[in-house]
Amino acid sequence: MSEKEKQSSNSCPPTKPRKSSVLKIYEKSVLTAFKFDCENFLEYFESLKSFHYTDFANLWQVRQFTYIYADQNYVTELTTLCEVAFSTVKKYIVFRDNPYIKMGAFYLLYGLYYKQPIKGLVKIRLTLSEFKSIKELMYMAKSQNHFEPLYIFAKMKCDKAFLYVAHYKPLKPSNNSKHSNTTFDDTFQGKGTESSLAKFKDLIQDGLVKDLGTVCTKYDAAFRKYAEICPSLSLFPSSVIEEFDRAYDNIFGSNLKNNSTDTSVANKRRSIRQKAVTNQNAVYRGSRKVLTAMDLSEGESNSD
């Protein structure tokens, strides 16, 4: 046997990573990224000081949360992302005291559930304590005459969006669950793990970048002056600052304050809904006399 054959026989074949380990790595990365986006979204919603769903929907569009499930190539990754998102959002309902944060988290739970791009929707696991927290939020909304959350909660229950469980994750001997621990509060505590986009935003807004632009301008002027003496030199103007600005505009160009979304239609719908709810003299279909087949048969028998 030759030396090459001995080495090939002694070397172990390359092993593929297990599916569970790959999903665990994916879960950790998704959890950090989604938690950062979620907290930024809730801070914006809190600044609006509103419980109305229309304000949430406008913010959803401005912050482009419609693309939260984009660029997922596999169903297993989508399922992991959905479960991580639900587990994360529920914490802001359970642990936070700010009513605007709690209501924004509830609306987020609603939006994330119905925006799932998979055929069999992933259910939202609810323990008894989590269910009580949502019920308390509904009581608070009802006491302040905010009925939109009540309609949404009733719709989610009718659509069987919730899976009522005893524990926040499935219990089994080999548990590679994708559910994050919802029994401890880690909300708004991950400011040290900033995303790359946040670091890029801080970098652009830093004064050093402006100084770099000044240096580039002076360098171009000095290079042109020297090129007059040496015409053989080729001028390569620096475009670093322009590329930074272009990237910044592409990423952070949508500003909430400059949002041009027409909210007149949403305000009209809100006023109509409010009038319908507060109208005490309205006659609803349930209280009207409806003509049935039994009535028609009785009418025919009486005529005979």
C-alpha atoms as a PDB file:
ATOM      1  CA  MET A   1       0.000   0.000   0.000  1.00  0.00           C
ATOM      2  CA  SER A   2       1.399   3.359  -0.995  1.00  0.00           C
ATOM      3  CA  GLU A   3       1.793   6.329   1.341  1.00  0.00           C
ATOM      4  CA  LYS A   4      -1.117   8.203  -0.289  1.00  0.00           C
ATOM      5  CA  GLU A   5      -3.432   5.208   0.145  1.00  0.00           C
ATOM      6  CA  LYS A   6      -2.447   4.910   3.846  1.00  0.00           C
ATOM      7  CA  GLN A   7      -3.147   8.592   4.449  1.00  0.00           C
ATOM      8  CA  SER A   8      -6.506   8.418   2.688  1.00  0.00           C
ATOM      9  CA  SER A   9      -7.508   5.293   4.669  1.00  0.00           C
ATOM     10  CA  ASN A  10      -6.522   6.848   8.016  1.00  0.00           C
ATOM     11  CA  SER A  11      -8.193  10.206   7.411  1.00  0.00           C
ATOM     12  CA  CYS A  12     -11.805  10.499   8.548  1.00  0.00           C
ATOM     13  CA  PRO A  13     -14.429  11.607   6.014  1.00  0.00           C
ATOM     14  CA  PRO A  14     -15.687  15.166   6.523  1.00  0.00           C
ATOM     15  CA  THR A  15     -18.836  15.171   8.633  1.00  0.00           C
ATOM     16  CA  LYS A  16     -21.766  17.459   7.908  1.00  0.00           C
ATOM     17  CA  PRO A  17     -23.083  19.575  10.773  1.00  0.00           C
ATOM     18  CA  ARG A  18     -26.254  18.274  12.360  1.00  0.00           C
ATOM     19  CA  LYS A  19     -29.483  19.977  11.409  1.00  0.00           C
ATOM     20  CA  SER A  20     -30.270  20.793  15.040  1.00  0.00           C
ATOM     21  CA  SER A  21     -26.919  22.540  15.590  1.00  0.00           C
ATOM     22  CA  VAL A  22     -27.354  24.595  12.429  1.00  0.00           C
ATOM     23  CA  LEU A  23     -30.814  25.703  13.570  1.00  0.00           C
ATOM     24  CA  LYS A  24     -29.466  26.622  17.004  1.00  0.00           C
ATOM     25  CA  ILE A  25     -26.851  28.892  15.449  1.00  0.00           C
ATOM     26  CA  TYR A  26     -29.508  30.401  13.198  1.00  0.00           C
ATOM     27  CA  GLU A  27     -31.836  30.890  16.168  1.00  0.00           C
ATOM     28  CA  LYS A  28     -29.222  32.836  18.135  1.00  0.00           C
ATOM     29  CA  SER A  29     -28.453  35.157  15.238  1.00  0.00           C
ATOM     30  CA  VAL A  30     -32.144  35.703  14.471  1.00  0.00           C
ATOM     31  CA  LEU A  31     -32.970  36.357  18.132  1.00  0.00           C
ATOM     32  CA  THR A  32     -30.365  39.121  18.447  1.00  0.00           C
ATOM     33  CA  ALA A  33     -31.374  40.811  15.188  1.00  0.00           C
ATOM     34  CA  PHE A  34     -35.126  40.575  15.728  1.00  0.00           C
ATOM     35  CA  LYS A  35     -34.911  41.777  19.338  1.00  0.00           C
ATOM     36  CA  PHE A  36     -33.030  44.874  18.192  1.00  0.00           C
ATOM     37  CA  ASP A  37     -35.598  45.662  15.463  1.00  0.00           C
ATOM     38  CA  CYS A  38     -38.495  44.922  17.813  1.00  0.00           C
ATOM     39  CA  GLU A  39     -37.272  47.279  20.522  1.00  0.00           C
ATOM     40  CA  ASN A  40     -36.619  50.064  18.020  1.00  0.00           C
ATOM     41  CA  PHE A  41     -40.143  49.601  16.664  1.00  0.00           C
ATOM     42  CA  LEU A  42     -41.723  49.687  20.128  1.00  0.00           C
ATOM     43  CA  GLU A  43     -39.769  52.795  21.105  1.00  0.00           C
ATOM     44  CA  TYR A  44     -41.113  54.562  18.014  1.00  0.00           C
ATOM     45  CA  PHE A  45     -44.658  53.425  18.810  1.00  0.00           C
ATOM     46  CA  GLU A  46     -44.327  54.599  22.404  1.00  0.00           C
ATOM     47  CA  SER A  47     -43.332  58.061  21.176  1.00  0.00           C
ATOM     48  CA  LEU A  48     -46.665  58.300  19.302  1.00  0.00           C
ATOM     49  CA  LYS A  49     -48.612  58.005  22.591  1.00  0.00           C
ATOM     50  CA  SER A  50     -51.435  56.227  20.809  1.00  0.00           C
ATOM     51  CA  PHE A  51     -53.400  53.008  21.225  1.00  0.00           C
ATOM     52  CA  HIS A  52     -54.959  53.137  17.744  1.00  0.00           C
ATOM     53  CA  TYR A  53     -54.235  50.337  15.307  1.00  0.00           C
ATOM     54  CA  THR A  54     -54.088  52.767  12.370  1.00  0.00           C
ATOM     55  CA  ASP A  55     -51.061  54.473  13.933  1.00  0.00           C
ATOM     56  CA  PHE A  56     -49.451  51.078  14.389  1.00  0.00           C
ATOM     57  CA  ALA A  57     -50.199  50.143  10.760  1.00  0.00           C
ATOM     58  CA  ASN A  58     -48.632  53.380   9.489  1.00  0.00           C
ATOM     59  CA  LEU A  59     -45.541  52.740  11.597  1.00  0.00           C
ATOM     60  CA  TRP A  60     -45.436  49.133  10.314  1.00  0.00           C
ATOM     61  CA  GLN A  61     -45.251  50.457   6.757  1.00  0.00           C
ATOM     62  CA  VAL A  62     -42.702  53.165   7.552  1.00  0.00           C
ATOM     63  CA  ARG A  63     -40.400  50.768   9.400  1.00  0.00           C
ATOM     64  CA  GLN A  64     -40.882  48.218   6.565  1.00  0.00           C
ATOM     65  CA  PHE A  65     -41.819  45.384   8.890  1.00  0.00           C
ATOM     66  CA  THR A  66     -43.628  43.783   5.948  1.00  0.00           C
ATOM     67  CA  TYR A  67     -40.233  42.361   4.920  1.00  0.00           C
ATOM     68  CA  ILE A  68     -39.581  40.730   8.294  1.00  0.00           C
ATOM     69  CA  TYR A  69     -39.893  37.267   6.731  1.00  0.00           C
ATOM     70  CA  ALA A  70     -38.018  38.087   3.511  1.00  0.00           C
ATOM     71  CA  ASP A  71     -34.952  36.196   2.237  1.00  0.00           C
ATOM     72  CA  GLN A  72     -35.761  32.966   4.079  1.00  0.00           C
ATOM     73  CA  ASN A  73     -35.022  30.089   1.737  1.00  0.00           C
ATOM     74  CA  TYR A  74     -36.239  27.144   3.831  1.00  0.00           C
ATOM     75  CA  VAL A  75     -39.450  26.366   5.690  1.00  0.00           C
ATOM     76  CA  THR A  76     -37.506  25.291   8.770  1.00  0.00           C
ATOM     77  CA  GLU A  77     -35.849  28.710   8.932  1.00  0.00           C
ATOM     78  CA  LEU A  78     -39.215  30.423   8.556  1.00  0.00           C
ATOM     79  CA  THR A  79     -40.681  28.306  11.345  1.00  0.00           C
ATOM     80  CA  THR A  80     -37.723  29.145  13.572  1.00  0.00           C
ATOM     81  CA  LEU A  81     -38.063  32.852  12.823  1.00  0.00           C
ATOM     82  CA  CYS A  82     -41.811  32.815  13.591  1.00  0.00           C
ATOM     83  CA  GLU A  83     -41.362  31.028  16.913  1.00  0.00           C
ATOM     84  CA  VAL A  84     -38.484  33.267  17.964  1.00  0.00           C
ATOM     85  CA  ALA A  85     -40.500  36.360  17.004  1.00  0.00           C
ATOM     86  CA  PHE A  86     -43.575  35.262  18.981  1.00  0.00           C
ATOM     87  CA  SER A  87     -41.533  34.327  22.053  1.00  0.00           C
ATOM     88  CA  THR A  88     -39.693  37.657  21.949  1.00  0.00           C
ATOM     89  CA  VAL A  89     -42.737  39.888  21.463  1.00  0.00           C
ATOM     90  CA  LYS A  90     -44.693  38.233  24.293  1.00  0.00           C
ATOM     91  CA  LYS A  91     -42.078  39.391  26.790  1.00  0.00           C
ATOM     92  CA  TYR A  92     -42.929  43.034  26.180  1.00  0.00           C
ATOM     93  CA  ILE A  93     -46.553  42.312  27.071  1.00  0.00           C
ATOM     94  CA  VAL A  94     -45.693  40.365  30.204  1.00  0.00           C
ATOM     95  CA  PHE A  95     -42.774  42.286  31.712  1.00  0.00           C
ATOM     96  CA  ARG A  96     -43.143  45.918  30.635  1.00  0.00           C
ATOM     97  CA  ASP A  97     -45.325  48.352  32.601  1.00  0.00           C
ATOM     98  CA  ASN A  98     -45.602  51.014  29.918  1.00  0.00           C
ATOM     99  CA  PRO A  99     -49.089  50.626  28.367  1.00  0.00           C
ATOM    100  CA  TYR A 100     -47.941  51.892  24.953  1.00  0.00           C
ATOM    101  CA  ILE A 101     -45.131  49.322  24.841  1.00  0.00           C
ATOM    102  CA  LYS A 102     -47.571  46.569  25.840  1.00  0.00           C
ATOM    103  CA  MET A 103     -50.138  47.600  23.241  1.00  0.00           C
ATOM    104  CA  GLY A 104     -47.495  47.933  20.528  1.00  0.00           C
ATOM    105  CA  ALA A 105     -46.245  44.444  21.371  1.00  0.00           C
ATOM    106  CA  PHE A 106     -49.788  43.062  21.133  1.00  0.00           C
ATOM    107  CA  TYR A 107     -50.275  44.659  17.725  1.00  0.00           C
ATOM    108  CA  LEU A 108     -46.885  43.265  16.681  1.00  0.00           C
ATOM    109  CA  LEU A 109     -47.995  39.787  17.730  1.00  0.00           C
ATOM    110  CA  TYR A 110     -51.109  40.197  15.593  1.00  0.00           C
ATOM    111  CA  GLY A 111     -49.216  41.494  12.558  1.00  0.00           C
ATOM    112  CA  LEU A 112     -46.458  38.901  12.727  1.00  0.00           C
ATOM    113  CA  TYR A 113     -48.954  36.043  13.008  1.00  0.00           C
ATOM    114  CA  TYR A 114     -51.046  36.953   9.973  1.00  0.00           C
ATOM    115  CA  LYS A 115     -48.034  37.927   7.844  1.00  0.00           C
ATOM    116  CA  GLN A 116     -46.546  34.432   7.986  1.00  0.00           C
ATOM    117  CA  PRO A 117     -45.706  33.375   4.403  1.00  0.00           C
ATOM    118  CA  ILE A 118     -46.183  29.659   5.063  1.00  0.00           C
ATOM    119  CA  LYS A 119     -49.220  27.495   4.472  1.00  0.00           C
ATOM    120  CA  GLY A 120     -49.674  26.069   7.964  1.00  0.00           C
ATOM    121  CA  LEU A 121     -49.469  29.067  10.281  1.00  0.00           C
ATOM    122  CA  VAL A 122     -47.220  28.640  13.317  1.00  0.00           C
ATOM    123  CA  LYS A 123     -49.339  28.927  16.458  1.00  0.00           C
ATOM    124  CA  ILE A 124     -48.558  31.328  19.302  1.00  0.00           C
ATOM    125  CA  ARG A 125     -47.840  29.387  22.484  1.00  0.00           C
ATOM    126  CA  LEU A 126     -49.567  30.949  25.490  1.00  0.00           C
ATOM    127  CA  THR A 127     -48.998  29.929  29.080  1.00  0.00           C
ATOM    128  CA  LEU A 128     -51.509  30.828  31.778  1.00  0.00           C
ATOM    129  CA  SER A 129     -49.479  33.822  32.977  1.00  0.00           C
ATOM    130  CA  GLU A 130     -49.060  35.130  29.414  1.00  0.00           C
ATOM    131  CA  PHE A 131     -52.777  34.743  28.746  1.00  0.00           C
ATOM    132  CA  LYS A 132     -53.583  36.668  31.949  1.00  0.00           C
ATOM    133  CA  SER A 133     -51.240  39.467  30.882  1.00  0.00           C
ATOM    134  CA  ILE A 134     -53.065  39.801  27.550  1.00  0.00           C
ATOM    135  CA  LYS A 135     -56.438  39.735  29.322  1.00  0.00           C
ATOM    136  CA  GLU A 136     -55.309  42.527  31.650  1.00  0.00           C
ATOM    137  CA  LEU A 137     -54.260  44.555  28.620  1.00  0.00           C
ATOM    138  CA  MET A 138     -57.711  44.014  27.088  1.00  0.00           C
ATOM    139  CA  TYR A 139     -59.424  45.154  30.299  1.00  0.00           C
ATOM    140  CA  MET A 140     -57.299  48.290  30.279  1.00  0.00           C
ATOM    141  CA  ALA A 141     -58.192  48.996  26.633  1.00  0.00           C
ATOM    142  CA  LYS A 142     -61.892  48.450  27.333  1.00  0.00           C
ATOM    143  CA  SER A 143     -61.836  50.783  30.336  1.00  0.00           C
ATOM    144  CA  GLN A 144     -60.394  53.547  28.120  1.00  0.00           C
ATOM    145  CA  ASN A 145     -62.859  52.877  25.250  1.00  0.00           C
ATOM    146  CA  HIS A 146     -60.223  51.501  22.880  1.00  0.00           C
ATOM    147  CA  PHE A 147     -62.107  48.705  21.137  1.00  0.00           C
ATOM    148  CA  GLU A 148     -59.708  47.870  18.300  1.00  0.00           C
ATOM    149  CA  PRO A 149     -57.539  45.592  20.482  1.00  0.00           C
ATOM    150  CA  LEU A 150     -60.672  43.746  21.612  1.00  0.00           C
ATOM    151  CA  TYR A 151     -61.707  43.053  18.018  1.00  0.00           C
ATOM    152  CA  ILE A 152     -58.203  41.872  17.163  1.00  0.00           C
ATOM    153  CA  PHE A 153     -58.006  39.590  20.202  1.00  0.00           C
ATOM    154  CA  ALA A 154     -61.427  38.098  19.385  1.00  0.00           C
ATOM    155  CA  LYS A 155     -60.367  37.502  15.770  1.00  0.00           C
ATOM    156  CA  MET A 156     -57.172  35.749  16.848  1.00  0.00           C
ATOM    157  CA  LYS A 157     -59.099  33.496  19.232  1.00  0.00           C
ATOM    158  CA  CYS A 158     -61.691  32.661  16.560  1.00  0.00           C
ATOM    159  CA  ASP A 159     -58.907  31.849  14.088  1.00  0.00           C
ATOM    160  CA  LYS A 160     -57.264  29.615  16.728  1.00  0.00           C
ATOM    161  CA  ALA A 161     -54.034  31.578  16.617  1.00  0.00           C
ATOM    162  CA  PHE A 162     -53.146  30.584  20.180  1.00  0.00           C
ATOM    163  CA  LEU A 163     -51.927  27.262  21.492  1.00  0.00           C
ATOM    164  CA  TYR A 164     -52.696  27.111  25.223  1.00  0.00           C
ATOM    165  CA  VAL A 165     -49.872  25.278  26.966  1.00  0.00           C
ATOM    166  CA  ALA A 166     -48.525  24.644  30.460  1.00  0.00           C
ATOM    167  CA  HIS A 167     -44.900  25.445  29.606  1.00  0.00           C
ATOM    168  CA  TYR A 168     -43.311  28.004  27.311  1.00  0.00           C
ATOM    169  CA  LYS A 169     -41.593  25.259  25.264  1.00  0.00           C
ATOM    170  CA  PRO A 170     -42.392  21.622  24.419  1.00  0.00           C
ATOM    171  CA  LEU A 171     -40.978  19.203  26.981  1.00  0.00           C
ATOM    172  CA  LYS A 172     -39.302  16.110  25.568  1.00  0.00           C
ATOM    173  CA  PRO A 173     -36.137  14.070  26.224  1.00  0.00           C
ATOM    174  CA  SER A 174     -34.150  15.604  23.373  1.00  0.00           C
ATOM    175  CA  ASN A 175     -35.338  19.182  23.302  1.00  0.00           C
ATOM    176  CA  ASN A 176     -33.865  21.250  20.513  1.00  0.00           C
ATOM    177  CA  SER A 177     -36.700  23.719  20.834  1.00  0.00           C
ATOM    178  CA  LYS A 178     -36.594  27.023  19.028  1.00  0.00           C
ATOM    179  CA  HIS A 179     -38.574  28.805  21.773  1.00  0.00           C
ATOM    180  CA  SER A 180     -36.603  31.341  23.775  1.00  0.00           C
ATOM    181  CA  ASN A 181     -37.057  31.404  27.519  1.00  0.00           C
ATOM    182  CA  THR A 182     -40.004  33.672  28.279  1.00  0.00           C
ATOM    183  CA  THR A 183     -39.807  33.281  32.058  1.00  0.00           C
ATOM    184  CA  PHE A 184     -37.179  35.986  32.643  1.00  0.00           C
ATOM    185  CA  ASP A 185     -37.090  39.620  31.646  1.00  0.00           C
ATOM    186  CA  ASP A 186     -34.355  40.631  29.198  1.00  0.00           C
ATOM    187  CA  THR A 187     -36.326  43.355  27.429  1.00  0.00           C
ATOM    188  CA  PHE A 188     -34.471  46.562  26.527  1.00  0.00           C
ATOM    189  CA  GLN A 189     -31.287  45.152  28.027  1.00  0.00           C
ATOM    190  CA  GLY A 190     -29.382  44.240  24.862  1.00  0.00           C
ATOM    191  CA  LYS A 191     -28.129  47.697  24.007  1.00  0.00           C
ATOM    192  CA  GLY A 192     -24.531  46.421  24.103  1.00  0.00           C
ATOM    193  CA  THR A 193     -25.166  44.054  21.197  1.00  0.00           C
ATOM    194  CA  GLU A 194     -25.863  46.630  18.539  1.00  0.00           C
ATOM    195  CA  SER A 195     -26.422  45.588  14.982  1.00  0.00           C
ATOM    196  CA  SER A 196     -24.156  46.524  12.104  1.00  0.00           C
ATOM    197  CA  LEU A 197     -26.724  48.998  10.820  1.00  0.00           C
ATOM    198  CA  ALA A 198     -26.766  50.863  14.139  1.00  0.00           C
ATOM    199  CA  LYS A 199     -22.977  51.033  14.168  1.00  0.00           C
ATOM    200  CA  PHE A 200     -22.977  52.282  10.577  1.00  0.00           C
ATOM    201  CA  LYS A 201     -25.540  54.956  11.478  1.00  0.00           C
ATOM    202  CA  ASP A 202     -23.423  56.165  14.403  1.00  0.00           C
ATOM    203  CA  LEU A 203     -20.325  56.151  12.197  1.00  0.00           C
ATOM    204  CA  ILE A 204     -21.947  58.366   9.559  1.00  0.00           C
ATOM    205  CA  GLN A 205     -23.255  60.801  12.164  1.00  0.00           C
ATOM    206  CA  ASP A 206     -19.851  61.018  13.828  1.00  0.00           C
ATOM    207  CA  GLY A 207     -17.787  64.147  13.279  1.00  0.00           C
ATOM    208  CA  LEU A 208     -14.824  62.109  12.041  1.00  0.00           C
ATOM    209  CA  VAL A 209     -16.640  61.309   8.803  1.00  0.00           C
ATOM    210  CA  LYS A 210     -17.191  65.023   8.159  1.00  0.00           C
ATOM    211  CA  ASP A 211     -13.495  65.618   8.817  1.00  0.00           C
ATOM    212  CA  LEU A 212     -12.711  62.854   6.348  1.00  0.00           C
ATOM    213  CA  GLY A 213     -14.811  64.651   3.736  1.00  0.00           C
ATOM    214  CA  THR A 214     -12.867  67.856   4.343  1.00  0.00           C
ATOM    215  CA  VAL A 215      -9.582  65.978   3.962  1.00  0.00           C
ATOM    216  CA  CYS A 216     -10.781  64.398   0.694  1.00  0.00           C
ATOM    217  CA  THR A 217     -11.739  67.817  -0.689  1.00  0.00           C
ATOM    218  CA  LYS A 218      -8.350  69.306   0.196  1.00  0.00           C
ATOM    219  CA  TYR A 219      -6.587  66.255  -1.241  1.00  0.00           C
ATOM    220  CA  ASP A 220      -8.433  66.575  -4.560  1.00  0.00           C
ATOM    221  CA  ALA A 221      -7.593  70.279  -4.780  1.00  0.00           C
ATOM    222  CA  ALA A 222      -3.892  69.643  -4.047  1.00  0.00           C
ATOM    223  CA  PHE A 223      -3.800  66.764  -6.538  1.00  0.00           C
ATOM    224  CA  ARG A 224      -5.293  68.921  -9.327  1.00  0.00           C
ATOM    225  CA  LYS A 225      -2.748  71.642  -8.617  1.00  0.00           C
ATOM    226  CA  TYR A 226       0.108  69.154  -8.818  1.00  0.00           C
ATOM    227  CA  ALA A 227      -1.371  67.628 -11.995  1.00  0.00           C
ATOM    228  CA  GLU A 228      -0.904  70.981 -13.734  1.00  0.00           C
ATOM    229  CA  ILE A 229       2.832  70.587 -13.216  1.00  0.00           C
ATOM    230  CA  CYS A 230       2.844  66.888 -14.169  1.00  0.00           C
ATOM    231  CA  PRO A 231       0.163  66.355 -16.841  1.00  0.00           C
ATOM    232  CA  SER A 232       0.983  62.654 -17.058  1.00  0.00           C
ATOM    233  CA  LEU A 233      -0.681  62.069 -13.668  1.00  0.00           C
ATOM    234  CA  SER A 234      -4.190  60.629 -13.783  1.00  0.00           C
ATOM    235  CA  LEU A 235      -6.705  62.210 -11.438  1.00  0.00           C
ATOM    236  CA  PHE A 236      -8.799  59.806  -9.377  1.00  0.00           C
ATOM    237  CA  PRO A 237     -11.296  61.847  -7.360  1.00  0.00           C
ATOM    238  CA  SER A 238     -12.306  60.306  -4.060  1.00  0.00           C
ATOM    239  CA  SER A 239     -15.960  59.214  -3.853  1.00  0.00           C
ATOM    240  CA  VAL A 240     -15.870  57.626  -0.390  1.00  0.00           C
ATOM    241  CA  ILE A 241     -18.062  60.261   1.254  1.00  0.00           C
ATOM    242  CA  GLU A 242     -20.574  60.160  -1.619  1.00  0.00           C
ATOM    243  CA  GLU A 243     -20.835  56.387  -1.325  1.00  0.00           C
ATOM    244  CA  PHE A 244     -21.351  56.691   2.440  1.00  0.00           C
ATOM    245  CA  ASP A 245     -24.118  59.235   1.921  1.00  0.00           C
ATOM    246  CA  ARG A 246     -25.752  57.151  -0.801  1.00  0.00           C
ATOM    247  CA  ALA A 247     -25.725  54.034   1.400  1.00  0.00           C
ATOM    248  CA  TYR A 248     -27.085  56.012   4.346  1.00  0.00           C
ATOM    249  CA  ASP A 249     -29.965  57.391   2.256  1.00  0.00           C
ATOM    250  CA  ASN A 250     -30.801  53.937   0.889  1.00  0.00           C
ATOM    251  CA  ILE A 251     -30.941  52.376   4.367  1.00  0.00           C
ATOM    252  CA  PHE A 252     -32.314  55.155   6.568  1.00  0.00           C
ATOM    253  CA  GLY A 253     -34.040  57.270   3.938  1.00  0.00           C
ATOM    254  CA  SER A 254     -37.578  56.590   5.232  1.00  0.00           C
ATOM    255  CA  ASN A 255     -38.121  58.967   8.118  1.00  0.00           C
ATOM    256  CA  LEU A 256     -41.164  58.715  10.299  1.00  0.00           C
ATOM    257  CA  LYS A 257     -41.516  62.497  10.601  1.00  0.00           C
ATOM    258  CA  ASN A 258     -41.324  62.916   6.829  1.00  0.00           C
ATOM    259  CA  ASN A 259     -43.803  60.161   6.150  1.00  0.00           C
ATOM    260  CA  SER A 260     -46.146  61.339   3.420  1.00  0.00           C
ATOM    261  CA  THR A 261     -48.724  58.612   3.978  1.00  0.00           C
ATOM    262  CA  ASP A 262     -52.200  60.050   3.708  1.00  0.00           C
ATOM    263  CA  THR A 263     -53.955  59.271   6.986  1.00  0.00           C
ATOM    264  CA  SER A 264     -57.239  61.017   6.115  1.00  0.00           C
ATOM    265  CA  VAL A 265     -58.900  57.760   5.080  1.00  0.00           C
ATOM    266  CA  ALA A 266     -57.725  56.019   8.225  1.00  0.00           C
ATOM    267  CA  ASN A 267     -59.024  58.886  10.379  1.00  0.00           C
ATOM    268  CA  LYS A 268     -62.428  58.744   8.671  1.00  0.00           C
ATOM    269  CA  ARG A 269     -62.674  55.004   9.244  1.00  0.00           C
ATOM    270  CA  ARG A 270     -61.702  55.456  12.861  1.00  0.00           C
ATOM    271  CA  SER A 271     -64.383  58.126  13.426  1.00  0.00           C
ATOM    272  CA  ILE A 272     -67.061  55.991  11.725  1.00  0.00           C
ATOM    273  CA  ARG A 273     -66.104  52.980  13.842  1.00  0.00           C
ATOM    274  CA  GLN A 274     -66.141  55.068  17.005  1.00  0.00           C
ATOM    275  CA  LYS A 275     -69.596  56.448  16.181  1.00  0.00           C
ATOM    276  CA  ALA A 276     -70.911  52.963  15.522  1.00  0.00           C
ATOM    277  CA  VAL A 277     -69.627  51.705  18.864  1.00  0.00           C
ATOM    278  CA  THR A 278     -70.891  54.646  20.916  1.00  0.00           C
ATOM    279  CA  ASN A 279     -74.303  54.861  19.206  1.00  0.00           C
ATOM    280  CA  GLN A 280     -76.859  53.690  21.757  1.00  0.00           C
ATOM    281  CA  ASN A 281     -79.860  53.925  19.366  1.00  0.00           C
ATOM    282  CA  ALA A 282     -78.429  51.702  16.647  1.00  0.00           C
ATOM    283  CA  VAL A 283     -80.497  48.687  15.577  1.00  0.00           C
ATOM    284  CA  TYR A 284     -78.294  45.715  14.845  1.00  0.00           C
ATOM    285  CA  ARG A 285     -79.091  42.674  12.753  1.00  0.00           C
ATOM    286  CA  GLY A 286     -79.344  40.443  15.797  1.00  0.00           C
ATOM    287  CA  SER A 287     -82.375  42.329  17.119  1.00  0.00           C
ATOM    288  CA  ARG A 288     -84.271  42.491  13.832  1.00  0.00           C
ATOM    289  CA  LYS A 289     -87.066  40.148  12.794  1.00  0.00           C
ATOM    290  CA  VAL A 290     -85.759  37.920  10.010  1.00  0.00           C
ATOM    291  CA  LEU A 291     -88.203  36.155   7.685  1.00  0.00           C
ATOM    292  CA  THR A 292     -87.470  32.423   7.618  1.00  0.00           C
ATOM    293  CA  ALA A 293     -88.794  29.402   5.720  1.00  0.00           C
ATOM    294  CA  MET A 294     -90.863  28.449   8.776  1.00  0.00           C
ATOM    295  CA  ASP A 295     -92.659  31.795   8.596  1.00  0.00           C
ATOM    296  CA  LEU A 296     -93.437  31.239   4.912  1.00  0.00           C
ATOM    297  CA  SER A 297     -94.815  27.761   5.561  1.00  0.00           C
ATOM    298  CA  GLU A 298     -97.010  29.047   8.394  1.00  0.00           C
ATOM    299  CA  GLY A 299     -98.320  31.816   6.135  1.00  0.00           C
ATOM    300  CA  GLU A 300     -99.298  29.278   3.476  1.00  0.00           C
ATOM    301  CA  SER A 301    -101.056  27.059   6.040  1.00  0.00           C
ATOM    302  CA  ASN A 302    -103.065  30.001   7.401  1.00  0.00           C
ATOM    303  CA  SER A 303    -104.161  30.987   3.905  1.00  0.00           C
ATOM    304  CA  ASP A 304    -105.423  27.436   3.316  1.00  0.00           C
END
